Amino acid sequence: MKKFRFLTFAMAAMLTFSFAACGPDEPEEEYDGIELNNGEFIEIETSEHDASASYPVHFKIKLQNGNLVIESLTSKANEAGLAAGLIAATDFPTKAVIADIGKVSGIEKITDLPTASEFMDDVPAVEKHGYIIEAHGTYGLNAYQNPNLKDPVSLYIRLWLDEATANGFKLKYKIFVPQR
């Protein structure tokens, strides 16, 4: 009986310690934001989110007259695309859009994707608001029936306007993998 009691207490102690180790998730990586002033832009060209894509997504986020404006750009084939036979001089277009999520307390609070109808080419820039940018390739390589040629899948970036400055905003942005 003493052995059974000891084992019961030992098991309870082990469970207590194991549950204590399962505390809240670690906060997201802390990093300093950047400052974006009126008339300036952030240019993003990446395949980081889709390593099998034949070309990167490419666009600009501009602060223009109190709005965040998205400018869709073109890019050239990356190494995967060139290896699959794409011509180096070809321009591959990206379509990028932005949606205002509303007021949030930080970039980590931007967790849900808006509906397709909420995305636009530009939105008002508002302090403490969060935004989702969606960008994808539009060339149509998937129609070629070559499994080695692939348009990039949608890239999502969350962006948060932390603080208004005299001529713009301090902001944070990060590639985002939405929970589906």
N, C-alpha and C. Protein backbone atom coordinates (compact mmCIF):
# COMPACT_ATOMS: atom_id res chain seq x y z
N MET A 1 0.82 -1.19 0.00
CA MET A 1 0.00 0.00 0.00
C MET A 1 0.86 1.26 0.00
N LYS A 2 1.97 1.24 0.78
CA LYS A 2 2.87 2.39 0.82
C LYS A 2 3.49 2.62 -0.55
N LYS A 3 3.81 1.52 -1.22
CA LYS A 3 4.41 1.63 -2.55
C LYS A 3 3.42 2.29 -3.52
N PHE A 4 2.13 1.90 -3.43
CA PHE A 4 1.11 2.46 -4.29
C PHE A 4 0.95 3.96 -4.02
N ARG A 5 0.93 4.37 -2.75
CA ARG A 5 0.81 5.77 -2.39
C ARG A 5 2.00 6.57 -2.91
N PHE A 6 3.20 6.01 -2.76
CA PHE A 6 4.40 6.69 -3.24
C PHE A 6 4.33 6.90 -4.76
N LEU A 7 3.92 5.83 -5.47
CA LEU A 7 3.81 5.94 -6.92
C LEU A 7 2.75 6.98 -7.31
N THR A 8 1.65 7.07 -6.58
CA THR A 8 0.61 8.05 -6.86
C THR A 8 1.17 9.47 -6.71
N PHE A 9 1.90 9.71 -5.59
CA PHE A 9 2.49 11.03 -5.38
C PHE A 9 3.55 11.34 -6.44
N ALA A 10 4.34 10.35 -6.77
CA ALA A 10 5.38 10.56 -7.78
C ALA A 10 4.76 10.90 -9.13
N MET A 11 3.68 10.19 -9.48
CA MET A 11 3.01 10.45 -10.75
C MET A 11 2.39 11.85 -10.75
N ALA A 12 1.77 12.25 -9.66
CA ALA A 12 1.18 13.59 -9.56
C ALA A 12 2.25 14.66 -9.69
N ALA A 13 3.40 14.44 -9.07
CA ALA A 13 4.49 15.41 -9.16
C ALA A 13 5.01 15.51 -10.59
N MET A 14 5.13 14.37 -11.28
CA MET A 14 5.61 14.39 -12.66
C MET A 14 4.63 15.14 -13.56
N LEU A 15 3.32 14.91 -13.39
CA LEU A 15 2.34 15.60 -14.19
C LEU A 15 2.37 17.10 -13.93
N THR A 16 2.54 17.48 -12.67
CA THR A 16 2.60 18.90 -12.33
C THR A 16 3.76 19.55 -13.03
N PHE A 17 4.93 18.93 -13.00
CA PHE A 17 6.10 19.52 -13.67
C PHE A 17 5.94 19.54 -15.18
N SER A 18 5.33 18.50 -15.74
CA SER A 18 5.19 18.48 -17.19
C SER A 18 4.20 19.54 -17.66
N PHE A 19 3.11 19.78 -16.91
CA PHE A 19 2.17 20.84 -17.28
C PHE A 19 2.78 22.21 -17.09
N ALA A 20 3.62 22.37 -16.08
CA ALA A 20 4.27 23.66 -15.86
C ALA A 20 5.18 24.02 -17.04
N ALA A 21 5.76 23.01 -17.67
CA ALA A 21 6.65 23.25 -18.81
C ALA A 21 5.88 23.64 -20.07
N CYS A 22 4.56 23.41 -20.09
CA CYS A 22 3.74 23.73 -21.25
C CYS A 22 3.09 25.09 -21.08
N GLY A 23 3.86 26.08 -20.79
CA GLY A 23 3.35 27.43 -20.58
C GLY A 23 2.93 28.07 -21.89
N PRO A 24 2.67 29.37 -21.86
CA PRO A 24 2.24 30.05 -23.09
C PRO A 24 3.34 30.02 -24.14
N ASP A 25 2.90 30.15 -25.38
CA ASP A 25 3.86 30.16 -26.49
C ASP A 25 4.84 31.31 -26.32
N GLU A 26 6.03 31.11 -26.83
CA GLU A 26 7.03 32.16 -26.81
C GLU A 26 6.53 33.33 -27.65
N PRO A 27 6.80 34.56 -27.22
CA PRO A 27 6.40 35.69 -28.05
C PRO A 27 7.16 35.67 -29.37
N GLU A 28 6.56 36.32 -30.37
CA GLU A 28 7.24 36.38 -31.66
C GLU A 28 8.56 37.10 -31.52
N GLU A 29 9.43 36.81 -32.43
CA GLU A 29 10.74 37.44 -32.47
C GLU A 29 10.60 38.96 -32.46
N GLU A 30 11.27 39.59 -31.52
CA GLU A 30 11.23 41.05 -31.43
C GLU A 30 12.20 41.64 -32.44
N TYR A 31 11.81 42.70 -33.09
CA TYR A 31 12.70 43.39 -34.00
C TYR A 31 12.26 44.84 -34.12
N ASP A 32 13.20 45.67 -34.44
CA ASP A 32 12.89 47.08 -34.64
C ASP A 32 12.24 47.26 -36.00
N GLY A 33 11.33 48.19 -36.06
CA GLY A 33 10.69 48.49 -37.33
C GLY A 33 11.55 49.44 -38.15
N ILE A 34 10.97 49.91 -39.21
CA ILE A 34 11.64 50.89 -40.07
C ILE A 34 10.75 52.12 -40.17
N GLU A 35 11.29 53.19 -40.69
CA GLU A 35 10.49 54.38 -40.89
C GLU A 35 10.24 54.55 -42.38
N LEU A 36 8.99 54.79 -42.71
CA LEU A 36 8.59 55.01 -44.10
C LEU A 36 7.97 56.40 -44.18
N ASN A 37 8.61 57.28 -44.92
CA ASN A 37 8.14 58.66 -45.05
C ASN A 37 7.36 58.83 -46.34
N ASN A 38 6.54 59.88 -46.38
CA ASN A 38 5.73 60.18 -47.55
C ASN A 38 6.63 60.24 -48.80
N GLY A 39 6.22 59.54 -49.84
CA GLY A 39 6.97 59.51 -51.09
C GLY A 39 8.00 58.38 -51.15
N GLU A 40 8.27 57.71 -50.05
CA GLU A 40 9.24 56.59 -50.03
C GLU A 40 8.50 55.27 -50.23
N PHE A 41 9.29 54.22 -50.46
CA PHE A 41 8.70 52.90 -50.67
C PHE A 41 9.59 51.81 -50.11
N ILE A 42 8.98 50.67 -49.92
CA ILE A 42 9.68 49.42 -49.58
C ILE A 42 9.48 48.52 -50.78
N GLU A 43 10.57 47.99 -51.33
CA GLU A 43 10.48 47.10 -52.49
C GLU A 43 10.74 45.68 -52.03
N ILE A 44 9.87 44.77 -52.40
CA ILE A 44 10.01 43.36 -52.02
C ILE A 44 10.05 42.52 -53.28
N GLU A 45 11.08 41.70 -53.40
CA GLU A 45 11.23 40.73 -54.48
C GLU A 45 11.76 39.47 -53.84
N THR A 46 10.92 38.43 -53.77
CA THR A 46 11.32 37.23 -53.05
C THR A 46 10.62 35.98 -53.57
N SER A 47 11.32 34.86 -53.42
CA SER A 47 10.77 33.52 -53.64
C SER A 47 10.82 32.73 -52.34
N GLU A 48 11.16 33.42 -51.26
CA GLU A 48 11.37 32.77 -49.96
C GLU A 48 10.17 31.92 -49.53
N HIS A 49 8.99 32.33 -49.85
CA HIS A 49 7.78 31.62 -49.44
C HIS A 49 7.45 30.43 -50.35
N ASP A 50 8.09 30.34 -51.51
CA ASP A 50 7.77 29.30 -52.49
C ASP A 50 9.04 28.92 -53.25
N ALA A 51 9.83 28.03 -52.68
CA ALA A 51 11.13 27.67 -53.24
C ALA A 51 11.03 27.00 -54.61
N SER A 52 9.87 26.45 -54.97
CA SER A 52 9.75 25.77 -56.26
C SER A 52 9.25 26.69 -57.37
N ALA A 53 8.99 27.95 -57.06
CA ALA A 53 8.51 28.90 -58.08
C ALA A 53 9.60 29.20 -59.10
N SER A 54 9.19 29.49 -60.32
CA SER A 54 10.13 29.78 -61.41
C SER A 54 10.57 31.24 -61.47
N TYR A 55 9.89 32.09 -60.71
CA TYR A 55 10.25 33.51 -60.63
C TYR A 55 9.72 34.06 -59.30
N PRO A 56 10.31 35.13 -58.80
CA PRO A 56 9.86 35.69 -57.53
C PRO A 56 8.66 36.64 -57.69
N VAL A 57 7.95 36.86 -56.59
CA VAL A 57 6.96 37.94 -56.58
C VAL A 57 7.73 39.24 -56.38
N HIS A 58 7.20 40.34 -56.92
CA HIS A 58 7.94 41.60 -56.89
C HIS A 58 6.93 42.76 -56.84
N PHE A 59 7.04 43.60 -55.82
CA PHE A 59 6.12 44.73 -55.69
C PHE A 59 6.71 45.77 -54.75
N LYS A 60 6.05 46.96 -54.72
CA LYS A 60 6.46 48.04 -53.83
C LYS A 60 5.29 48.41 -52.92
N ILE A 61 5.62 48.79 -51.69
CA ILE A 61 4.68 49.38 -50.75
C ILE A 61 5.10 50.84 -50.62
N LYS A 62 4.23 51.75 -51.06
CA LYS A 62 4.58 53.17 -51.03
C LYS A 62 3.66 53.91 -50.05
N LEU A 63 4.23 54.91 -49.39
CA LEU A 63 3.42 55.84 -48.61
C LEU A 63 3.26 57.09 -49.47
N GLN A 64 2.04 57.33 -49.90
CA GLN A 64 1.79 58.41 -50.85
C GLN A 64 0.51 59.15 -50.46
N ASN A 65 0.67 60.42 -50.09
CA ASN A 65 -0.48 61.28 -49.74
C ASN A 65 -1.40 60.65 -48.70
N GLY A 66 -0.81 60.08 -47.65
CA GLY A 66 -1.60 59.50 -46.57
C GLY A 66 -2.16 58.12 -46.84
N ASN A 67 -1.76 57.49 -47.93
CA ASN A 67 -2.23 56.14 -48.27
C ASN A 67 -1.05 55.19 -48.40
N LEU A 68 -1.30 53.92 -48.10
CA LEU A 68 -0.37 52.85 -48.44
C LEU A 68 -0.79 52.36 -49.82
N VAL A 69 0.10 52.51 -50.78
CA VAL A 69 -0.19 52.19 -52.18
C VAL A 69 0.68 51.00 -52.58
N ILE A 70 0.07 50.01 -53.20
CA ILE A 70 0.80 48.83 -53.67
C ILE A 70 1.01 48.95 -55.17
N GLU A 71 2.25 48.81 -55.58
CA GLU A 71 2.59 48.84 -57.00
C GLU A 71 3.11 47.46 -57.40
N SER A 72 2.36 46.80 -58.25
CA SER A 72 2.77 45.49 -58.74
C SER A 72 3.87 45.67 -59.78
N LEU A 73 4.91 44.83 -59.70
CA LEU A 73 6.06 44.93 -60.60
C LEU A 73 6.28 43.60 -61.31
N THR A 74 7.29 43.57 -62.16
CA THR A 74 7.68 42.33 -62.83
C THR A 74 9.05 41.90 -62.31
N SER A 75 9.39 40.65 -62.58
CA SER A 75 10.71 40.13 -62.20
C SER A 75 11.20 39.22 -63.31
N LYS A 76 12.43 38.83 -63.19
CA LYS A 76 13.05 37.90 -64.14
C LYS A 76 13.03 36.49 -63.54
N ALA A 77 13.22 35.50 -64.38
CA ALA A 77 13.26 34.11 -63.91
C ALA A 77 14.37 33.93 -62.89
N ASN A 78 14.11 33.12 -61.87
CA ASN A 78 15.14 32.79 -60.90
C ASN A 78 15.88 31.52 -61.37
N GLU A 79 16.76 31.00 -60.55
CA GLU A 79 17.56 29.82 -60.95
C GLU A 79 16.68 28.64 -61.31
N ALA A 80 15.62 28.41 -60.55
CA ALA A 80 14.72 27.28 -60.85
C ALA A 80 14.06 27.47 -62.21
N GLY A 81 13.64 28.70 -62.51
CA GLY A 81 12.99 28.98 -63.79
C GLY A 81 13.95 28.85 -64.97
N LEU A 82 15.17 29.36 -64.79
CA LEU A 82 16.17 29.25 -65.86
C LEU A 82 16.53 27.79 -66.12
N ALA A 83 16.65 27.02 -65.04
CA ALA A 83 16.98 25.59 -65.19
C ALA A 83 15.86 24.84 -65.90
N ALA A 84 14.62 25.31 -65.74
CA ALA A 84 13.48 24.66 -66.39
C ALA A 84 13.26 25.15 -67.82
N GLY A 85 14.08 26.11 -68.28
CA GLY A 85 14.02 26.53 -69.66
C GLY A 85 13.41 27.90 -69.92
N LEU A 86 13.14 28.68 -68.90
CA LEU A 86 12.60 30.03 -69.13
C LEU A 86 13.67 30.93 -69.74
N ILE A 87 13.25 31.88 -70.52
CA ILE A 87 14.16 32.83 -71.17
C ILE A 87 14.48 33.94 -70.17
N ALA A 88 15.77 34.22 -70.01
CA ALA A 88 16.23 35.17 -68.99
C ALA A 88 15.66 36.57 -69.18
N ALA A 89 15.39 36.99 -70.39
CA ALA A 89 14.93 38.36 -70.65
C ALA A 89 13.43 38.56 -70.43
N THR A 90 12.69 37.50 -70.22
CA THR A 90 11.23 37.60 -70.07
C THR A 90 10.87 38.27 -68.75
N ASP A 91 9.86 39.14 -68.78
CA ASP A 91 9.32 39.76 -67.57
C ASP A 91 8.13 38.95 -67.08
N PHE A 92 8.15 38.61 -65.79
CA PHE A 92 7.08 37.84 -65.18
C PHE A 92 6.34 38.73 -64.18
N PRO A 93 5.04 38.98 -64.41
CA PRO A 93 4.30 39.94 -63.58
C PRO A 93 3.83 39.36 -62.24
N THR A 94 3.73 40.27 -61.29
CA THR A 94 3.15 40.00 -59.97
C THR A 94 1.90 40.84 -59.82
N LYS A 95 0.91 40.31 -59.16
CA LYS A 95 -0.27 41.09 -58.76
C LYS A 95 -0.23 41.16 -57.23
N ALA A 96 -0.18 42.38 -56.69
CA ALA A 96 -0.14 42.58 -55.24
C ALA A 96 -1.25 43.54 -54.83
N VAL A 97 -1.86 43.27 -53.68
CA VAL A 97 -2.95 44.09 -53.14
C VAL A 97 -2.83 44.14 -51.62
N ILE A 98 -3.56 45.07 -51.00
CA ILE A 98 -3.47 45.27 -49.56
C ILE A 98 -4.87 45.39 -48.97
N ALA A 99 -5.01 44.94 -47.71
CA ALA A 99 -6.28 45.08 -46.98
C ALA A 99 -5.99 45.64 -45.59
N ASP A 100 -6.84 46.53 -45.14
CA ASP A 100 -6.74 47.13 -43.81
C ASP A 100 -7.49 46.22 -42.83
N ILE A 101 -6.78 45.73 -41.82
CA ILE A 101 -7.37 44.84 -40.81
C ILE A 101 -8.05 45.65 -39.72
N GLY A 102 -7.65 46.91 -39.55
CA GLY A 102 -8.19 47.75 -38.48
C GLY A 102 -7.16 47.90 -37.38
N LYS A 103 -7.60 48.50 -36.29
CA LYS A 103 -6.70 48.79 -35.18
C LYS A 103 -6.32 47.49 -34.46
N VAL A 104 -5.00 47.31 -34.27
CA VAL A 104 -4.47 46.17 -33.53
C VAL A 104 -3.33 46.66 -32.64
N SER A 105 -3.01 45.91 -31.60
CA SER A 105 -1.99 46.34 -30.65
C SER A 105 -0.57 45.94 -31.04
N GLY A 106 -0.39 45.19 -32.11
CA GLY A 106 0.94 44.80 -32.55
C GLY A 106 0.87 43.90 -33.76
N ILE A 107 2.01 43.71 -34.40
CA ILE A 107 2.05 42.92 -35.64
C ILE A 107 1.63 41.47 -35.39
N GLU A 108 1.92 40.94 -34.20
CA GLU A 108 1.56 39.55 -33.90
C GLU A 108 0.06 39.35 -33.77
N LYS A 109 -0.70 40.43 -33.65
CA LYS A 109 -2.16 40.34 -33.54
C LYS A 109 -2.84 40.23 -34.90
N ILE A 110 -2.08 40.35 -35.96
CA ILE A 110 -2.63 40.21 -37.31
C ILE A 110 -2.54 38.72 -37.65
N THR A 111 -3.66 38.02 -37.54
CA THR A 111 -3.62 36.57 -37.68
C THR A 111 -4.56 36.01 -38.74
N ASP A 112 -5.59 36.76 -39.11
CA ASP A 112 -6.58 36.24 -40.04
C ASP A 112 -6.49 36.92 -41.40
N LEU A 113 -6.79 36.16 -42.43
CA LEU A 113 -6.83 36.73 -43.78
C LEU A 113 -8.18 37.40 -44.03
N PRO A 114 -8.15 38.56 -44.64
CA PRO A 114 -9.42 39.18 -45.03
C PRO A 114 -10.02 38.46 -46.23
N THR A 115 -11.27 38.77 -46.55
CA THR A 115 -11.90 38.19 -47.74
C THR A 115 -11.29 38.83 -48.98
N ALA A 116 -11.44 38.18 -50.11
CA ALA A 116 -10.86 38.68 -51.36
C ALA A 116 -11.39 40.07 -51.70
N SER A 117 -12.63 40.36 -51.37
CA SER A 117 -13.21 41.67 -51.71
C SER A 117 -12.64 42.81 -50.86
N GLU A 118 -11.95 42.50 -49.77
CA GLU A 118 -11.37 43.54 -48.92
C GLU A 118 -10.01 44.02 -49.41
N PHE A 119 -9.39 43.31 -50.33
CA PHE A 119 -8.08 43.70 -50.87
C PHE A 119 -8.24 44.79 -51.92
N MET A 120 -7.33 45.78 -51.87
CA MET A 120 -7.36 46.90 -52.80
C MET A 120 -5.93 47.25 -53.21
N ASP A 121 -5.82 48.19 -54.15
CA ASP A 121 -4.50 48.67 -54.56
C ASP A 121 -3.93 49.68 -53.58
N ASP A 122 -4.80 50.37 -52.84
CA ASP A 122 -4.33 51.32 -51.83
C ASP A 122 -5.37 51.45 -50.73
N VAL A 123 -4.89 51.80 -49.53
CA VAL A 123 -5.74 51.98 -48.36
C VAL A 123 -5.20 53.16 -47.55
N PRO A 124 -6.04 53.81 -46.76
CA PRO A 124 -5.54 54.89 -45.91
C PRO A 124 -4.52 54.35 -44.90
N ALA A 125 -3.46 55.11 -44.68
CA ALA A 125 -2.44 54.75 -43.69
C ALA A 125 -2.88 55.33 -42.35
N VAL A 126 -3.12 54.46 -41.37
CA VAL A 126 -3.63 54.88 -40.06
C VAL A 126 -2.75 54.27 -38.97
N GLU A 127 -2.30 55.12 -38.06
CA GLU A 127 -1.47 54.68 -36.94
C GLU A 127 -2.17 53.58 -36.15
N LYS A 128 -1.40 52.56 -35.77
CA LYS A 128 -1.85 51.40 -34.99
C LYS A 128 -2.76 50.46 -35.77
N HIS A 129 -2.88 50.65 -37.08
CA HIS A 129 -3.66 49.71 -37.89
C HIS A 129 -2.75 48.62 -38.44
N GLY A 130 -3.34 47.45 -38.62
CA GLY A 130 -2.65 46.33 -39.23
C GLY A 130 -3.15 46.12 -40.65
N TYR A 131 -2.28 45.56 -41.48
CA TYR A 131 -2.60 45.35 -42.89
C TYR A 131 -2.07 43.99 -43.32
N ILE A 132 -2.73 43.40 -44.30
CA ILE A 132 -2.25 42.18 -44.95
C ILE A 132 -2.02 42.51 -46.42
N ILE A 133 -0.85 42.15 -46.91
CA ILE A 133 -0.54 42.30 -48.33
C ILE A 133 -0.51 40.89 -48.92
N GLU A 134 -1.15 40.73 -50.06
CA GLU A 134 -1.14 39.45 -50.78
C GLU A 134 -0.53 39.69 -52.14
N ALA A 135 0.44 38.85 -52.53
CA ALA A 135 1.09 38.98 -53.83
C ALA A 135 1.28 37.59 -54.43
N HIS A 136 1.02 37.48 -55.72
CA HIS A 136 1.19 36.19 -56.41
C HIS A 136 1.60 36.43 -57.86
N GLY A 137 2.20 35.42 -58.43
CA GLY A 137 2.60 35.50 -59.83
C GLY A 137 1.40 35.32 -60.75
N THR A 138 1.43 36.02 -61.89
CA THR A 138 0.27 35.97 -62.80
C THR A 138 0.63 35.59 -64.24
N TYR A 139 1.82 35.09 -64.47
CA TYR A 139 2.25 34.81 -65.84
C TYR A 139 1.45 33.67 -66.48
N GLY A 140 1.10 32.68 -65.71
CA GLY A 140 0.33 31.54 -66.23
C GLY A 140 1.19 30.36 -66.63
N LEU A 141 2.32 30.18 -65.96
CA LEU A 141 3.21 29.05 -66.30
C LEU A 141 2.55 27.70 -66.07
N ASN A 142 1.61 27.64 -65.15
CA ASN A 142 0.96 26.36 -64.86
C ASN A 142 0.22 25.82 -66.08
N ALA A 143 -0.15 26.68 -67.01
CA ALA A 143 -0.86 26.25 -68.22
C ALA A 143 0.04 25.50 -69.19
N TYR A 144 1.36 25.59 -69.02
CA TYR A 144 2.29 24.93 -69.94
C TYR A 144 2.42 23.43 -69.70
N GLN A 145 1.80 22.92 -68.65
CA GLN A 145 1.82 21.48 -68.36
C GLN A 145 3.22 20.94 -68.13
N ASN A 146 4.14 21.80 -67.75
CA ASN A 146 5.50 21.38 -67.42
C ASN A 146 5.62 21.47 -65.90
N PRO A 147 5.80 20.35 -65.21
CA PRO A 147 5.84 20.38 -63.75
C PRO A 147 7.01 21.18 -63.18
N ASN A 148 8.01 21.48 -64.00
CA ASN A 148 9.15 22.26 -63.53
C ASN A 148 8.94 23.76 -63.66
N LEU A 149 7.88 24.17 -64.35
CA LEU A 149 7.54 25.59 -64.48
C LEU A 149 6.37 25.90 -63.56
N LYS A 150 6.56 26.88 -62.70
CA LYS A 150 5.52 27.14 -61.70
C LYS A 150 5.47 28.62 -61.33
N ASP A 151 4.26 29.18 -61.39
CA ASP A 151 4.05 30.53 -60.89
C ASP A 151 4.16 30.50 -59.36
N PRO A 152 4.62 31.59 -58.75
CA PRO A 152 4.68 31.61 -57.29
C PRO A 152 3.28 31.62 -56.68
N VAL A 153 3.12 30.86 -55.60
CA VAL A 153 1.87 30.89 -54.85
C VAL A 153 1.80 32.21 -54.09
N SER A 154 0.67 32.46 -53.49
CA SER A 154 0.47 33.73 -52.78
C SER A 154 1.44 33.89 -51.63
N LEU A 155 2.03 35.06 -51.60
CA LEU A 155 2.87 35.51 -50.49
C LEU A 155 2.00 36.44 -49.66
N TYR A 156 2.02 36.26 -48.35
CA TYR A 156 1.28 37.15 -47.46
C TYR A 156 2.28 37.85 -46.55
N ILE A 157 2.09 39.14 -46.41
CA ILE A 157 2.92 39.94 -45.52
C ILE A 157 1.98 40.68 -44.59
N ARG A 158 2.29 40.62 -43.30
CA ARG A 158 1.54 41.45 -42.38
C ARG A 158 2.37 42.70 -42.09
N LEU A 159 1.68 43.81 -42.01
CA LEU A 159 2.33 45.11 -41.84
C LEU A 159 1.57 45.86 -40.75
N TRP A 160 2.30 46.52 -39.87
CA TRP A 160 1.69 47.26 -38.77
C TRP A 160 2.29 48.64 -38.69
N LEU A 161 1.45 49.66 -38.72
CA LEU A 161 1.90 51.04 -38.57
C LEU A 161 1.95 51.35 -37.07
N ASP A 162 3.15 51.28 -36.53
CA ASP A 162 3.35 51.40 -35.09
C ASP A 162 3.13 52.82 -34.59
N GLU A 163 3.77 53.78 -35.23
CA GLU A 163 3.75 55.14 -34.71
C GLU A 163 3.87 56.16 -35.84
N ALA A 164 3.02 57.19 -35.78
CA ALA A 164 3.12 58.26 -36.76
C ALA A 164 4.34 59.12 -36.44
N THR A 165 5.01 59.59 -37.49
CA THR A 165 6.14 60.51 -37.34
C THR A 165 5.76 61.82 -38.04
N ALA A 166 6.68 62.75 -38.07
CA ALA A 166 6.39 64.05 -38.69
C ALA A 166 6.03 63.91 -40.17
N ASN A 167 6.63 62.91 -40.87
CA ASN A 167 6.43 62.81 -42.31
C ASN A 167 6.05 61.40 -42.76
N GLY A 168 5.62 60.55 -41.83
CA GLY A 168 5.28 59.18 -42.21
C GLY A 168 4.94 58.33 -41.01
N PHE A 169 5.49 57.10 -41.01
CA PHE A 169 5.19 56.14 -39.95
C PHE A 169 6.41 55.28 -39.65
N LYS A 170 6.51 54.85 -38.39
CA LYS A 170 7.38 53.74 -38.04
C LYS A 170 6.51 52.50 -38.22
N LEU A 171 7.04 51.51 -38.90
CA LEU A 171 6.24 50.33 -39.18
C LEU A 171 7.06 49.06 -39.02
N LYS A 172 6.34 47.97 -38.94
CA LYS A 172 6.95 46.64 -38.93
C LYS A 172 6.23 45.82 -39.99
N TYR A 173 6.99 44.95 -40.67
CA TYR A 173 6.37 44.03 -41.60
C TYR A 173 7.12 42.72 -41.58
N LYS A 174 6.41 41.66 -41.93
CA LYS A 174 6.99 40.33 -41.87
C LYS A 174 6.19 39.38 -42.76
N ILE A 175 6.88 38.44 -43.40
CA ILE A 175 6.20 37.40 -44.18
C ILE A 175 5.32 36.62 -43.21
N PHE A 176 4.15 36.25 -43.67
CA PHE A 176 3.11 35.68 -42.82
C PHE A 176 2.58 34.41 -43.47
N VAL A 177 2.49 33.34 -42.70
CA VAL A 177 1.88 32.11 -43.16
C VAL A 177 0.55 31.98 -42.41
N PRO A 178 -0.55 32.28 -43.09
CA PRO A 178 -1.85 32.27 -42.40
C PRO A 178 -2.27 30.87 -41.98
N GLN A 179 -3.01 30.80 -40.89
CA GLN A 179 -3.59 29.54 -40.42
C GLN A 179 -4.85 29.28 -41.22
N ARG A 180 -4.96 28.17 -41.82
CA ARG A 180 -6.15 27.86 -42.64
C ARG A 180 -6.98 26.80 -41.98
